[in-house]
Amino acid sequence: MNLQKGLYRKRQIAFGGLFKQIKKELELDDIENGDLINLGDEDSPISDGEVISVLWNHERQNYYVR
């Protein structure tokens, strides 16, 4: 009964199973020992991206794209 009360309305997350499979497919480095900055994709050009301006319309109580 105490365990049930302690876990009531708590989100329990486990990083196993599907997460381990996805990590293997993506061939990600280890968080503690891996190189998280240099991923080996230096040959690909850097994207300029896209800038989108969004403003809040107080009368409509919603955002709109400018």
PDB file of N, CA and C in Angstrom:
ATOM      1  N   MET A   1       0.818  -1.185   0.000  1.00  0.00           N
ATOM      2  CA  MET A   1       0.000   0.000   0.000  1.00  0.00           C
ATOM      3  C   MET A   1       0.872   1.264   0.000  1.00  0.00           C
ATOM      4  N   ASN A   2       1.985   1.275   0.751  1.00  0.00           N
ATOM      5  CA  ASN A   2       2.864   2.435   0.779  1.00  0.00           C
ATOM      6  C   ASN A   2       3.519   2.672  -0.571  1.00  0.00           C
ATOM      7  N   LEU A   3       3.887   1.578  -1.259  1.00  0.00           N
ATOM      8  CA  LEU A   3       4.477   1.704  -2.590  1.00  0.00           C
ATOM      9  C   LEU A   3       3.474   2.312  -3.556  1.00  0.00           C
ATOM     10  N   GLN A   4       2.229   1.890  -3.464  1.00  0.00           N
ATOM     11  CA  GLN A   4       1.189   2.430  -4.332  1.00  0.00           C
ATOM     12  C   GLN A   4       0.987   3.919  -4.071  1.00  0.00           C
ATOM     13  N   LYS A   5       0.986   4.338  -2.822  1.00  0.00           N
ATOM     14  CA  LYS A   5       0.846   5.757  -2.491  1.00  0.00           C
ATOM     15  C   LYS A   5       2.066   6.549  -2.942  1.00  0.00           C
ATOM     16  N   GLY A   6       3.245   5.963  -2.802  1.00  0.00           N
ATOM     17  CA  GLY A   6       4.469   6.652  -3.198  1.00  0.00           C
ATOM     18  C   GLY A   6       4.576   6.859  -4.696  1.00  0.00           C
ATOM     19  N   LEU A   7       4.036   5.930  -5.468  1.00  0.00           N
ATOM     20  CA  LEU A   7       4.105   6.026  -6.926  1.00  0.00           C
ATOM     21  C   LEU A   7       2.892   6.706  -7.543  1.00  0.00           C
ATOM     22  N   TYR A   8       1.922   7.089  -6.727  1.00  0.00           N
ATOM     23  CA  TYR A   8       0.704   7.712  -7.238  1.00  0.00           C
ATOM     24  C   TYR A   8       1.037   9.032  -7.928  1.00  0.00           C
ATOM     25  N   ARG A   9       0.569   9.189  -9.175  1.00  0.00           N
ATOM     26  CA  ARG A   9       0.736  10.388  -9.999  1.00  0.00           C
ATOM     27  C   ARG A   9       2.203  10.729 -10.274  1.00  0.00           C
ATOM     28  N   LYS A  10       3.045   9.725 -10.347  1.00  0.00           N
ATOM     29  CA  LYS A  10       4.450   9.903 -10.692  1.00  0.00           C
ATOM     30  C   LYS A  10       4.681   9.260 -12.054  1.00  0.00           C
ATOM     31  N   ARG A  11       5.499   9.893 -12.851  1.00  0.00           N
ATOM     32  CA  ARG A  11       5.853   9.315 -14.147  1.00  0.00           C
ATOM     33  C   ARG A  11       7.134   8.518 -13.978  1.00  0.00           C
ATOM     34  N   GLN A  12       7.071   7.270 -14.322  1.00  0.00           N
ATOM     35  CA  GLN A  12       8.219   6.384 -14.201  1.00  0.00           C
ATOM     36  C   GLN A  12       8.799   6.179 -15.596  1.00  0.00           C
ATOM     37  N   ILE A  13      10.053   6.546 -15.768  1.00  0.00           N
ATOM     38  CA  ILE A  13      10.700   6.442 -17.072  1.00  0.00           C
ATOM     39  C   ILE A  13      11.873   5.485 -16.956  1.00  0.00           C
ATOM     40  N   ALA A  14      11.958   4.546 -17.872  1.00  0.00           N
ATOM     41  CA  ALA A  14      13.078   3.610 -17.920  1.00  0.00           C
ATOM     42  C   ALA A  14      13.759   3.746 -19.274  1.00  0.00           C
ATOM     43  N   PHE A  15      15.078   3.806 -19.255  1.00  0.00           N
ATOM     44  CA  PHE A  15      15.844   3.926 -20.486  1.00  0.00           C
ATOM     45  C   PHE A  15      16.441   2.570 -20.838  1.00  0.00           C
ATOM     46  N   GLY A  16      15.619   1.719 -21.336  1.00  0.00           N
ATOM     47  CA  GLY A  16      16.049   0.392 -21.748  1.00  0.00           C
ATOM     48  C   GLY A  16      15.226  -0.023 -22.939  1.00  0.00           C
ATOM     49  N   GLY A  17      15.425  -1.232 -23.382  1.00  0.00           N
ATOM     50  CA  GLY A  17      14.622  -1.771 -24.467  1.00  0.00           C
ATOM     51  C   GLY A  17      14.698  -0.972 -25.742  1.00  0.00           C
ATOM     52  N   LEU A  18      13.652  -0.221 -26.044  1.00  0.00           N
ATOM     53  CA  LEU A  18      13.561   0.539 -27.285  1.00  0.00           C
ATOM     54  C   LEU A  18      14.634   1.614 -27.364  1.00  0.00           C
ATOM     55  N   PHE A  19      14.938   2.289 -26.243  1.00  0.00           N
ATOM     56  CA  PHE A  19      15.973   3.320 -26.254  1.00  0.00           C
ATOM     57  C   PHE A  19      17.340   2.733 -26.577  1.00  0.00           C
ATOM     58  N   LYS A  20      17.648   1.555 -26.034  1.00  0.00           N
ATOM     59  CA  LYS A  20      18.928   0.906 -26.335  1.00  0.00           C
ATOM     60  C   LYS A  20      19.006   0.538 -27.813  1.00  0.00           C
ATOM     61  N   GLN A  21      17.902   0.077 -28.372  1.00  0.00           N
ATOM     62  CA  GLN A  21      17.875  -0.289 -29.786  1.00  0.00           C
ATOM     63  C   GLN A  21      18.087   0.941 -30.664  1.00  0.00           C
ATOM     64  N   ILE A  22      17.445   2.047 -30.346  1.00  0.00           N
ATOM     65  CA  ILE A  22      17.598   3.280 -31.123  1.00  0.00           C
ATOM     66  C   ILE A  22      19.020   3.802 -31.012  1.00  0.00           C
ATOM     67  N   LYS A  23      19.624   3.714 -29.830  1.00  0.00           N
ATOM     68  CA  LYS A  23      21.005   4.162 -29.647  1.00  0.00           C
ATOM     69  C   LYS A  23      21.951   3.349 -30.520  1.00  0.00           C
ATOM     70  N   LYS A  24      21.726   2.045 -30.618  1.00  0.00           N
ATOM     71  CA  LYS A  24      22.565   1.209 -31.476  1.00  0.00           C
ATOM     72  C   LYS A  24      22.387   1.582 -32.943  1.00  0.00           C
ATOM     73  N   GLU A  25      21.150   1.850 -33.364  1.00  0.00           N
ATOM     74  CA  GLU A  25      20.896   2.206 -34.759  1.00  0.00           C
ATOM     75  C   GLU A  25      21.530   3.544 -35.119  1.00  0.00           C
ATOM     76  N   LEU A  26      21.520   4.495 -34.194  1.00  0.00           N
ATOM     77  CA  LEU A  26      22.092   5.812 -34.455  1.00  0.00           C
ATOM     78  C   LEU A  26      23.593   5.854 -34.221  1.00  0.00           C
ATOM     79  N   GLU A  27      24.143   4.804 -33.606  1.00  0.00           N
ATOM     80  CA  GLU A  27      25.569   4.711 -33.291  1.00  0.00           C
ATOM     81  C   GLU A  27      26.041   5.937 -32.515  1.00  0.00           C
ATOM     82  N   LEU A  28      25.336   6.266 -31.451  1.00  0.00           N
ATOM     83  CA  LEU A  28      25.670   7.423 -30.628  1.00  0.00           C
ATOM     84  C   LEU A  28      26.814   7.096 -29.682  1.00  0.00           C
ATOM     85  N   ASP A  29      27.606   8.126 -29.340  1.00  0.00           N
ATOM     86  CA  ASP A  29      28.680   7.966 -28.373  1.00  0.00           C
ATOM     87  C   ASP A  29      28.101   7.896 -26.967  1.00  0.00           C
ATOM     88  N   ASP A  30      28.911   7.372 -26.075  1.00  0.00           N
ATOM     89  CA  ASP A  30      28.543   7.320 -24.673  1.00  0.00           C
ATOM     90  C   ASP A  30      28.540   8.730 -24.097  1.00  0.00           C
ATOM     91  N   ILE A  31      27.589   9.045 -23.245  1.00  0.00           N
ATOM     92  CA  ILE A  31      27.476  10.391 -22.680  1.00  0.00           C
ATOM     93  C   ILE A  31      28.694  10.736 -21.836  1.00  0.00           C
ATOM     94  N   GLU A  32      29.175   9.797 -21.044  1.00  0.00           N
ATOM     95  CA  GLU A  32      30.286  10.062 -20.134  1.00  0.00           C
ATOM     96  C   GLU A  32      31.622  10.129 -20.861  1.00  0.00           C
ATOM     97  N   ASN A  33      31.866   9.234 -21.820  1.00  0.00           N
ATOM     98  CA  ASN A  33      33.189   9.120 -22.431  1.00  0.00           C
ATOM     99  C   ASN A  33      33.235   9.528 -23.898  1.00  0.00           C
ATOM    100  N   GLY A  34      32.109   9.781 -24.514  1.00  0.00           N
ATOM    101  CA  GLY A  34      32.064  10.056 -25.946  1.00  0.00           C
ATOM    102  C   GLY A  34      32.355  11.507 -26.283  1.00  0.00           C
ATOM    103  N   ASP A  35      32.669  11.741 -27.568  1.00  0.00           N
ATOM    104  CA  ASP A  35      32.905  13.092 -28.077  1.00  0.00           C
ATOM    105  C   ASP A  35      31.570  13.623 -28.583  1.00  0.00           C
ATOM    106  N   LEU A  36      30.955  14.503 -27.813  1.00  0.00           N
ATOM    107  CA  LEU A  36      29.625  14.996 -28.144  1.00  0.00           C
ATOM    108  C   LEU A  36      29.664  16.252 -28.999  1.00  0.00           C
ATOM    109  N   ILE A  37      30.855  16.811 -29.254  1.00  0.00           N
ATOM    110  CA  ILE A  37      30.968  18.030 -30.050  1.00  0.00           C
ATOM    111  C   ILE A  37      31.301  17.703 -31.491  1.00  0.00           C
ATOM    112  N   ASN A  38      32.337  16.931 -31.720  1.00  0.00           N
ATOM    113  CA  ASN A  38      32.750  16.565 -33.075  1.00  0.00           C
ATOM    114  C   ASN A  38      32.093  15.247 -33.440  1.00  0.00           C
ATOM    115  N   LEU A  39      31.110  15.309 -34.308  1.00  0.00           N
ATOM    116  CA  LEU A  39      30.352  14.118 -34.669  1.00  0.00           C
ATOM    117  C   LEU A  39      30.861  13.447 -35.928  1.00  0.00           C
ATOM    118  N   GLY A  40      31.876  14.028 -36.583  1.00  0.00           N
ATOM    119  CA  GLY A  40      32.438  13.417 -37.769  1.00  0.00           C
ATOM    120  C   GLY A  40      31.758  13.852 -39.048  1.00  0.00           C
ATOM    121  N   ASP A  41      30.899  14.851 -39.017  1.00  0.00           N
ATOM    122  CA  ASP A  41      30.197  15.329 -40.207  1.00  0.00           C
ATOM    123  C   ASP A  41      30.756  16.664 -40.672  1.00  0.00           C
ATOM    124  N   GLU A  42      32.078  16.863 -40.543  1.00  0.00           N
ATOM    125  CA  GLU A  42      32.667  18.150 -40.902  1.00  0.00           C
ATOM    126  C   GLU A  42      32.619  18.419 -42.407  1.00  0.00           C
ATOM    127  N   ASP A  43      32.483  17.384 -43.222  1.00  0.00           N
ATOM    128  CA  ASP A  43      32.458  17.564 -44.673  1.00  0.00           C
ATOM    129  C   ASP A  43      31.156  18.190 -45.160  1.00  0.00           C
ATOM    130  N   SER A  44      30.079  18.006 -44.426  1.00  0.00           N
ATOM    131  CA  SER A  44      28.802  18.554 -44.874  1.00  0.00           C
ATOM    132  C   SER A  44      28.740  20.051 -44.575  1.00  0.00           C
ATOM    133  N   PRO A  45      28.207  20.858 -45.514  1.00  0.00           N
ATOM    134  CA  PRO A  45      28.132  22.306 -45.288  1.00  0.00           C
ATOM    135  C   PRO A  45      27.105  22.648 -44.207  1.00  0.00           C
ATOM    136  N   ILE A  46      27.341  23.761 -43.537  1.00  0.00           N
ATOM    137  CA  ILE A  46      26.429  24.212 -42.492  1.00  0.00           C
ATOM    138  C   ILE A  46      25.246  24.922 -43.142  1.00  0.00           C
ATOM    139  N   SER A  47      24.066  24.573 -42.719  1.00  0.00           N
ATOM    140  CA  SER A  47      22.850  25.170 -43.262  1.00  0.00           C
ATOM    141  C   SER A  47      22.682  26.585 -42.722  1.00  0.00           C
ATOM    142  N   ASP A  48      22.209  27.497 -43.581  1.00  0.00           N
ATOM    143  CA  ASP A  48      21.933  28.858 -43.145  1.00  0.00           C
ATOM    144  C   ASP A  48      20.657  28.931 -42.315  1.00  0.00           C
ATOM    145  N   GLY A  49      19.796  27.964 -42.481  1.00  0.00           N
ATOM    146  CA  GLY A  49      18.557  27.933 -41.721  1.00  0.00           C
ATOM    147  C   GLY A  49      17.527  28.891 -42.281  1.00  0.00           C
ATOM    148  N   GLU A  50      16.510  29.158 -41.503  1.00  0.00           N
ATOM    149  CA  GLU A  50      15.428  30.036 -41.918  1.00  0.00           C
ATOM    150  C   GLU A  50      14.950  30.812 -40.697  1.00  0.00           C
ATOM    151  N   VAL A  51      14.717  32.103 -40.868  1.00  0.00           N
ATOM    152  CA  VAL A  51      14.247  32.945 -39.777  1.00  0.00           C
ATOM    153  C   VAL A  51      12.764  33.222 -39.981  1.00  0.00           C
ATOM    154  N   ILE A  52      11.982  32.959 -38.953  1.00  0.00           N
ATOM    155  CA  ILE A  52      10.543  33.204 -39.002  1.00  0.00           C
ATOM    156  C   ILE A  52      10.202  34.145 -37.857  1.00  0.00           C
ATOM    157  N   SER A  53       9.545  35.262 -38.172  1.00  0.00           N
ATOM    158  CA  SER A  53       9.114  36.209 -37.141  1.00  0.00           C
ATOM    159  C   SER A  53       7.664  35.928 -36.782  1.00  0.00           C
ATOM    160  N   VAL A  54       7.423  35.718 -35.504  1.00  0.00           N
ATOM    161  CA  VAL A  54       6.084  35.443 -35.012  1.00  0.00           C
ATOM    162  C   VAL A  54       5.771  36.468 -33.933  1.00  0.00           C
ATOM    163  N   LEU A  55       4.619  37.114 -34.057  1.00  0.00           N
ATOM    164  CA  LEU A  55       4.211  38.140 -33.103  1.00  0.00           C
ATOM    165  C   LEU A  55       2.921  37.727 -32.408  1.00  0.00           C
ATOM    166  N   TRP A  56       2.723  38.244 -31.203  1.00  0.00           N
ATOM    167  CA  TRP A  56       1.517  37.965 -30.428  1.00  0.00           C
ATOM    168  C   TRP A  56       0.477  39.036 -30.717  1.00  0.00           C
ATOM    169  N   ASN A  57      -0.728  38.627 -31.107  1.00  0.00           N
ATOM    170  CA  ASN A  57      -1.838  39.532 -31.332  1.00  0.00           C
ATOM    171  C   ASN A  57      -2.709  39.509 -30.081  1.00  0.00           C
ATOM    172  N   HIS A  58      -2.676  40.611 -29.329  1.00  0.00           N
ATOM    173  CA  HIS A  58      -3.390  40.666 -28.049  1.00  0.00           C
ATOM    174  C   HIS A  58      -4.904  40.596 -28.242  1.00  0.00           C
ATOM    175  N   GLU A  59      -5.417  41.213 -29.288  1.00  0.00           N
ATOM    176  CA  GLU A  59      -6.868  41.213 -29.515  1.00  0.00           C
ATOM    177  C   GLU A  59      -7.384  39.816 -29.831  1.00  0.00           C
ATOM    178  N   ARG A  60      -6.653  39.072 -30.644  1.00  0.00           N
ATOM    179  CA  ARG A  60      -7.067  37.715 -31.011  1.00  0.00           C
ATOM    180  C   ARG A  60      -6.583  36.663 -30.016  1.00  0.00           C
ATOM    181  N   GLN A  61      -5.678  37.054 -29.118  1.00  0.00           N
ATOM    182  CA  GLN A  61      -5.090  36.125 -28.155  1.00  0.00           C
ATOM    183  C   GLN A  61      -4.442  34.932 -28.866  1.00  0.00           C
ATOM    184  N   ASN A  62      -3.650  35.262 -29.891  1.00  0.00           N
ATOM    185  CA  ASN A  62      -2.998  34.215 -30.661  1.00  0.00           C
ATOM    186  C   ASN A  62      -1.761  34.788 -31.332  1.00  0.00           C
ATOM    187  N   TYR A  63      -0.884  33.906 -31.793  1.00  0.00           N
ATOM    188  CA  TYR A  63       0.305  34.315 -32.530  1.00  0.00           C
ATOM    189  C   TYR A  63      -0.015  34.417 -34.013  1.00  0.00           C
ATOM    190  N   TYR A  64       0.734  35.256 -34.725  1.00  0.00           N
ATOM    191  CA  TYR A  64       0.636  35.281 -36.176  1.00  0.00           C
ATOM    192  C   TYR A  64       2.026  35.471 -36.757  1.00  0.00           C
ATOM    193  N   VAL A  65       2.210  34.909 -37.949  1.00  0.00           N
ATOM    194  CA  VAL A  65       3.498  34.969 -38.632  1.00  0.00           C
ATOM    195  C   VAL A  65       3.549  36.239 -39.435  1.00  0.00           C
ATOM    196  N   ARG A  66       4.633  36.983 -39.280  1.00  0.00           N
ATOM    197  CA  ARG A  66       4.778  38.242 -39.990  1.00  0.00           C
ATOM    198  C   ARG A  66       5.451  38.030 -41.298  1.00  0.00           C
TER     199      ARG A  66
END
